[in-house]
Amino acid sequence: MNAFCGHMRACLMIRSEVEKIESVQQLVKRPHTTPHMWLGTSYVAMVEHSTNPDLQQIGRVVRERGTAVPASALYGEPLLRRVVQGRAAVISDGTSLAFRVSSVCQAFAGAEFYLAREGVVSHPLNSFARKDIDPLIFKDINKVYVYLQSILGLKQQHIKRTHALRITIIIYNRSTAGRSPPPSTS
């Protein structure tokens, strides 16, 4: 056995397996883990008014605890510190999550952020725009979406199967839960 194999074997033996949250049902079964969502998005209403009882419960918790927060708080170090400690989970779309968390994850050495396997909510089309965009331009963008849906004959089920944006969950690495949180950079 060479040194590389020995080192890898030692690392594998030391690191404990993380008990991940891979579904809404698993998140519901962890009342000590508070779900947080992005304030001002349709996700909160979609979860709260879902026909799935587990999603409804997540929506109820978010509403009652006031954990729908602005993006700056959702992806900020204080909340991510709570995620690392196992006290919070972030429910967000994967693209925004990966972009925003990657800018602060260096402050969490030893922590592991991951996307859950099961999506929470799927919806057909979505776009982000700056708040100061000209309303006429935004109206034209929406017209293009409607046109594309009608001309291409995109049906809701087809969109869900092929182009769905999935909200995902990030959670903490149990192997770092006993350590003190990283120092604040603010």
C-alpha atoms as a PDB file:
ATOM      1  CA  MET A   1       0.000   0.000   0.000  1.00  0.00           C
ATOM      2  CA  ASN A   2       1.467   3.369  -0.942  1.00  0.00           C
ATOM      3  CA  ALA A   3       1.279   6.581   1.113  1.00  0.00           C
ATOM      4  CA  PHE A   4      -1.629   7.991  -0.919  1.00  0.00           C
ATOM      5  CA  CYS A   5      -3.811   4.937  -0.299  1.00  0.00           C
ATOM      6  CA  GLY A   6      -2.889   4.973   3.382  1.00  0.00           C
ATOM      7  CA  HIS A   7      -3.805   8.643   3.679  1.00  0.00           C
ATOM      8  CA  MET A   8      -7.119   8.120   1.895  1.00  0.00           C
ATOM      9  CA  ARG A   9      -7.939   5.146   4.093  1.00  0.00           C
ATOM     10  CA  ALA A  10      -7.167   7.178   7.224  1.00  0.00           C
ATOM     11  CA  CYS A  11      -9.383  10.027   6.011  1.00  0.00           C
ATOM     12  CA  LEU A  12     -12.229   7.666   5.275  1.00  0.00           C
ATOM     13  CA  MET A  13     -11.961   6.095   8.701  1.00  0.00           C
ATOM     14  CA  ILE A  14     -11.921   9.413  10.556  1.00  0.00           C
ATOM     15  CA  ARG A  15     -14.736  11.156   8.736  1.00  0.00           C
ATOM     16  CA  SER A  16     -18.176  10.060   9.868  1.00  0.00           C
ATOM     17  CA  GLU A  17     -21.046   9.763   7.431  1.00  0.00           C
ATOM     18  CA  VAL A  18     -23.391  12.724   7.417  1.00  0.00           C
ATOM     19  CA  GLU A  19     -27.066  12.096   8.123  1.00  0.00           C
ATOM     20  CA  LYS A  20     -28.469  14.125   5.253  1.00  0.00           C
ATOM     21  CA  ILE A  21     -31.925  15.511   4.696  1.00  0.00           C
ATOM     22  CA  GLU A  22     -32.901  14.272   1.241  1.00  0.00           C
ATOM     23  CA  SER A  23     -36.654  14.978   1.245  1.00  0.00           C
ATOM     24  CA  VAL A  24     -39.380  17.156   2.689  1.00  0.00           C
ATOM     25  CA  GLN A  25     -40.552  14.238   4.831  1.00  0.00           C
ATOM     26  CA  GLN A  26     -37.125  14.002   6.454  1.00  0.00           C
ATOM     27  CA  LEU A  27     -37.080  17.749   7.113  1.00  0.00           C
ATOM     28  CA  VAL A  28     -40.538  17.594   8.723  1.00  0.00           C
ATOM     29  CA  LYS A  29     -39.294  14.834  11.039  1.00  0.00           C
ATOM     30  CA  ARG A  30     -36.601  17.201  12.369  1.00  0.00           C
ATOM     31  CA  PRO A  31     -38.460  19.901  14.297  1.00  0.00           C
ATOM     32  CA  HIS A  32     -35.164  21.258  15.665  1.00  0.00           C
ATOM     33  CA  THR A  33     -34.106  22.136  12.092  1.00  0.00           C
ATOM     34  CA  THR A  34     -35.916  25.319  11.069  1.00  0.00           C
ATOM     35  CA  PRO A  35     -36.623  25.770   7.340  1.00  0.00           C
ATOM     36  CA  HIS A  36     -35.793  29.155   5.801  1.00  0.00           C
ATOM     37  CA  MET A  37     -37.022  30.416   2.433  1.00  0.00           C
ATOM     38  CA  TRP A  38     -36.450  33.411   0.158  1.00  0.00           C
ATOM     39  CA  LEU A  39     -38.855  36.246   1.016  1.00  0.00           C
ATOM     40  CA  GLY A  40     -40.735  37.808  -1.880  1.00  0.00           C
ATOM     41  CA  THR A  41     -40.642  34.749  -4.139  1.00  0.00           C
ATOM     42  CA  SER A  42     -43.476  32.498  -5.209  1.00  0.00           C
ATOM     43  CA  TYR A  43     -41.799  29.553  -3.466  1.00  0.00           C
ATOM     44  CA  VAL A  44     -43.246  30.435  -0.073  1.00  0.00           C
ATOM     45  CA  ALA A  45     -46.837  30.501  -1.358  1.00  0.00           C
ATOM     46  CA  MET A  46     -46.299  27.393  -3.503  1.00  0.00           C
ATOM     47  CA  VAL A  47     -45.110  25.440  -0.465  1.00  0.00           C
ATOM     48  CA  GLU A  48     -47.758  26.804   1.904  1.00  0.00           C
ATOM     49  CA  HIS A  49     -50.646  26.109  -0.497  1.00  0.00           C
ATOM     50  CA  SER A  50     -49.379  22.755  -1.741  1.00  0.00           C
ATOM     51  CA  THR A  51     -51.594  19.680  -1.724  1.00  0.00           C
ATOM     52  CA  ASN A  52     -48.748  17.771  -0.039  1.00  0.00           C
ATOM     53  CA  PRO A  53     -49.298  17.800   3.774  1.00  0.00           C
ATOM     54  CA  ASP A  54     -45.539  17.802   4.476  1.00  0.00           C
ATOM     55  CA  LEU A  55     -45.038  20.855   2.273  1.00  0.00           C
ATOM     56  CA  GLN A  56     -47.992  22.558   3.962  1.00  0.00           C
ATOM     57  CA  GLN A  57     -46.357  21.927   7.328  1.00  0.00           C
ATOM     58  CA  ILE A  58     -43.069  23.438   6.095  1.00  0.00           C
ATOM     59  CA  GLY A  59     -45.023  26.453   4.816  1.00  0.00           C
ATOM     60  CA  ARG A  60     -46.794  26.799   8.150  1.00  0.00           C
ATOM     61  CA  VAL A  61     -43.484  26.713  10.047  1.00  0.00           C
ATOM     62  CA  VAL A  62     -41.964  29.325   7.720  1.00  0.00           C
ATOM     63  CA  ARG A  63     -44.988  31.602   8.199  1.00  0.00           C
ATOM     64  CA  GLU A  64     -45.289  31.137  11.975  1.00  0.00           C
ATOM     65  CA  ARG A  65     -41.586  31.562  12.695  1.00  0.00           C
ATOM     66  CA  GLY A  66     -41.095  34.321  10.146  1.00  0.00           C
ATOM     67  CA  THR A  67     -38.272  32.468   8.421  1.00  0.00           C
ATOM     68  CA  ALA A  68     -38.989  33.765   4.932  1.00  0.00           C
ATOM     69  CA  VAL A  69     -36.069  36.192   4.726  1.00  0.00           C
ATOM     70  CA  PRO A  70     -34.392  38.402   2.103  1.00  0.00           C
ATOM     71  CA  ALA A  71     -31.674  36.794  -0.038  1.00  0.00           C
ATOM     72  CA  SER A  72     -28.959  38.685   1.837  1.00  0.00           C
ATOM     73  CA  ALA A  73     -30.022  36.945   5.068  1.00  0.00           C
ATOM     74  CA  LEU A  74     -30.860  33.605   3.436  1.00  0.00           C
ATOM     75  CA  TYR A  75     -27.346  33.182   2.072  1.00  0.00           C
ATOM     76  CA  GLY A  76     -25.529  35.200   4.727  1.00  0.00           C
ATOM     77  CA  GLU A  77     -22.946  33.822   7.134  1.00  0.00           C
ATOM     78  CA  PRO A  78     -25.156  33.987  10.271  1.00  0.00           C
ATOM     79  CA  LEU A  79     -27.842  31.712   8.801  1.00  0.00           C
ATOM     80  CA  LEU A  80     -25.311  29.417   7.137  1.00  0.00           C
ATOM     81  CA  ARG A  81     -23.594  29.089  10.519  1.00  0.00           C
ATOM     82  CA  ARG A  82     -26.933  27.814  11.904  1.00  0.00           C
ATOM     83  CA  VAL A  83     -27.140  25.407   8.949  1.00  0.00           C
ATOM     84  CA  VAL A  84     -23.682  24.046   9.807  1.00  0.00           C
ATOM     85  CA  GLN A  85     -24.834  23.587  13.416  1.00  0.00           C
ATOM     86  CA  GLY A  86     -27.899  21.632  12.267  1.00  0.00           C
ATOM     87  CA  ARG A  87     -30.394  24.219  13.497  1.00  0.00           C
ATOM     88  CA  ALA A  88     -31.531  25.449  10.067  1.00  0.00           C
ATOM     89  CA  ALA A  89     -32.093  24.328   6.479  1.00  0.00           C
ATOM     90  CA  VAL A  90     -32.273  26.617   3.459  1.00  0.00           C
ATOM     91  CA  ILE A  91     -34.931  25.873   0.852  1.00  0.00           C
ATOM     92  CA  SER A  92     -34.006  27.631  -2.358  1.00  0.00           C
ATOM     93  CA  ASP A  93     -33.489  27.090  -6.062  1.00  0.00           C
ATOM     94  CA  GLY A  94     -30.231  25.324  -6.822  1.00  0.00           C
ATOM     95  CA  THR A  95     -28.754  27.977  -9.124  1.00  0.00           C
ATOM     96  CA  SER A  96     -29.117  30.876  -6.683  1.00  0.00           C
ATOM     97  CA  LEU A  97     -28.017  28.689  -3.810  1.00  0.00           C
ATOM     98  CA  ALA A  98     -24.848  27.472  -5.527  1.00  0.00           C
ATOM     99  CA  PHE A  99     -23.901  30.984  -6.630  1.00  0.00           C
ATOM    100  CA  ARG A 100     -24.548  32.729  -3.313  1.00  0.00           C
ATOM    101  CA  VAL A 101     -23.203  30.024  -0.982  1.00  0.00           C
ATOM    102  CA  SER A 102     -20.016  29.625  -3.026  1.00  0.00           C
ATOM    103  CA  SER A 103     -19.113  33.229  -2.200  1.00  0.00           C
ATOM    104  CA  VAL A 104     -19.155  32.608   1.580  1.00  0.00           C
ATOM    105  CA  CYS A 105     -18.414  28.895   1.951  1.00  0.00           C
ATOM    106  CA  GLN A 106     -14.687  29.494   2.498  1.00  0.00           C
ATOM    107  CA  ALA A 107     -15.628  30.742   5.977  1.00  0.00           C
ATOM    108  CA  PHE A 108     -16.898  27.251   6.825  1.00  0.00           C
ATOM    109  CA  ALA A 109     -13.820  25.028   6.605  1.00  0.00           C
ATOM    110  CA  GLY A 110     -14.786  21.425   7.263  1.00  0.00           C
ATOM    111  CA  ALA A 111     -18.499  21.976   6.623  1.00  0.00           C
ATOM    112  CA  GLU A 112     -20.291  20.323   3.734  1.00  0.00           C
ATOM    113  CA  PHE A 113     -23.172  22.020   1.948  1.00  0.00           C
ATOM    114  CA  TYR A 114     -25.204  19.847  -0.397  1.00  0.00           C
ATOM    115  CA  LEU A 115     -28.372  19.822  -2.465  1.00  0.00           C
ATOM    116  CA  ALA A 116     -31.053  17.351  -1.453  1.00  0.00           C
ATOM    117  CA  ARG A 117     -31.902  14.629  -3.959  1.00  0.00           C
ATOM    118  CA  GLU A 118     -35.627  15.325  -3.918  1.00  0.00           C
ATOM    119  CA  GLY A 119     -36.872  18.629  -5.272  1.00  0.00           C
ATOM    120  CA  VAL A 120     -39.494  20.448  -3.262  1.00  0.00           C
ATOM    121  CA  VAL A 121     -41.424  22.402  -5.892  1.00  0.00           C
ATOM    122  CA  SER A 122     -41.242  22.422  -9.685  1.00  0.00           C
ATOM    123  CA  HIS A 123     -42.583  25.167 -11.885  1.00  0.00           C
ATOM    124  CA  PRO A 124     -42.496  25.720 -15.635  1.00  0.00           C
ATOM    125  CA  LEU A 125     -40.714  28.999 -16.345  1.00  0.00           C
ATOM    126  CA  ASN A 126     -38.920  31.482 -14.193  1.00  0.00           C
ATOM    127  CA  SER A 127     -36.807  34.566 -14.628  1.00  0.00           C
ATOM    128  CA  PHE A 128     -35.003  37.072 -12.494  1.00  0.00           C
ATOM    129  CA  ALA A 129     -34.898  40.769 -13.268  1.00  0.00           C
ATOM    130  CA  ARG A 130     -33.499  43.848 -11.609  1.00  0.00           C
ATOM    131  CA  LYS A 131     -36.006  45.911  -9.650  1.00  0.00           C
ATOM    132  CA  ASP A 132     -35.283  49.017 -11.709  1.00  0.00           C
ATOM    133  CA  ILE A 133     -35.964  47.389 -15.093  1.00  0.00           C
ATOM    134  CA  ASP A 134     -38.276  49.382 -17.330  1.00  0.00           C
ATOM    135  CA  PRO A 135     -41.831  48.009 -16.790  1.00  0.00           C
ATOM    136  CA  LEU A 136     -42.478  48.062 -20.550  1.00  0.00           C
ATOM    137  CA  ILE A 137     -39.443  45.855 -21.187  1.00  0.00           C
ATOM    138  CA  PHE A 138     -40.551  43.477 -18.446  1.00  0.00           C
ATOM    139  CA  LYS A 139     -44.049  43.356 -19.965  1.00  0.00           C
ATOM    140  CA  ASP A 140     -42.517  42.480 -23.344  1.00  0.00           C
ATOM    141  CA  ILE A 141     -40.429  39.712 -21.747  1.00  0.00           C
ATOM    142  CA  ASN A 142     -43.608  38.224 -20.285  1.00  0.00           C
ATOM    143  CA  LYS A 143     -45.263  38.405 -23.716  1.00  0.00           C
ATOM    144  CA  VAL A 144     -42.373  36.375 -25.141  1.00  0.00           C
ATOM    145  CA  TYR A 145     -42.891  33.700 -22.456  1.00  0.00           C
ATOM    146  CA  VAL A 146     -46.595  33.464 -23.285  1.00  0.00           C
ATOM    147  CA  TYR A 147     -45.807  33.349 -27.005  1.00  0.00           C
ATOM    148  CA  LEU A 148     -43.232  30.583 -26.547  1.00  0.00           C
ATOM    149  CA  GLN A 149     -45.669  28.520 -24.529  1.00  0.00           C
ATOM    150  CA  SER A 150     -48.403  28.868 -27.145  1.00  0.00           C
ATOM    151  CA  ILE A 151     -46.300  28.494 -30.317  1.00  0.00           C
ATOM    152  CA  LEU A 152     -44.251  25.557 -29.051  1.00  0.00           C
ATOM    153  CA  GLY A 153     -47.244  23.855 -27.524  1.00  0.00           C
ATOM    154  CA  LEU A 154     -45.471  23.393 -24.244  1.00  0.00           C
ATOM    155  CA  LYS A 155     -47.778  21.585 -21.891  1.00  0.00           C
ATOM    156  CA  GLN A 156     -47.425  21.835 -18.131  1.00  0.00           C
ATOM    157  CA  GLN A 157     -46.448  18.151 -17.756  1.00  0.00           C
ATOM    158  CA  HIS A 158     -43.801  18.371 -20.477  1.00  0.00           C
ATOM    159  CA  ILE A 159     -42.269  21.418 -18.847  1.00  0.00           C
ATOM    160  CA  LYS A 160     -42.288  19.743 -15.443  1.00  0.00           C
ATOM    161  CA  ARG A 161     -40.495  16.695 -16.797  1.00  0.00           C
ATOM    162  CA  THR A 162     -37.873  18.486 -18.870  1.00  0.00           C
ATOM    163  CA  HIS A 163     -37.339  22.052 -17.703  1.00  0.00           C
ATOM    164  CA  ALA A 164     -38.334  22.100 -14.065  1.00  0.00           C
ATOM    165  CA  LEU A 165     -36.487  24.300 -11.633  1.00  0.00           C
ATOM    166  CA  ARG A 166     -36.202  22.441  -8.375  1.00  0.00           C
ATOM    167  CA  ILE A 167     -35.964  23.973  -4.964  1.00  0.00           C
ATOM    168  CA  THR A 168     -33.368  22.192  -2.915  1.00  0.00           C
ATOM    169  CA  ILE A 169     -32.310  21.895   0.688  1.00  0.00           C
ATOM    170  CA  ILE A 170     -28.873  22.463   2.161  1.00  0.00           C
ATOM    171  CA  ILE A 171     -27.944  21.211   5.558  1.00  0.00           C
ATOM    172  CA  TYR A 172     -24.922  20.737   7.788  1.00  0.00           C
ATOM    173  CA  ASN A 173     -22.133  18.225   8.149  1.00  0.00           C
ATOM    174  CA  ARG A 174     -22.638  16.368  11.417  1.00  0.00           C
ATOM    175  CA  SER A 175     -18.869  15.914  11.796  1.00  0.00           C
ATOM    176  CA  THR A 176     -18.519  19.685  12.348  1.00  0.00           C
ATOM    177  CA  ALA A 177     -21.566  20.099  14.595  1.00  0.00           C
ATOM    178  CA  GLY A 178     -19.548  19.864  17.828  1.00  0.00           C
ATOM    179  CA  ARG A 179     -16.980  22.438  16.780  1.00  0.00           C
ATOM    180  CA  SER A 180     -17.279  26.096  17.555  1.00  0.00           C
ATOM    181  CA  PRO A 181     -18.673  28.198  14.708  1.00  0.00           C
ATOM    182  CA  PRO A 182     -16.180  30.022  12.496  1.00  0.00           C
ATOM    183  CA  PRO A 183     -15.315  33.582  13.501  1.00  0.00           C
ATOM    184  CA  SER A 184     -17.509  36.298  12.074  1.00  0.00           C
ATOM    185  CA  THR A 185     -15.934  38.422   9.354  1.00  0.00           C
ATOM    186  CA  SER A 186     -18.161  41.410  10.007  1.00  0.00           C
END
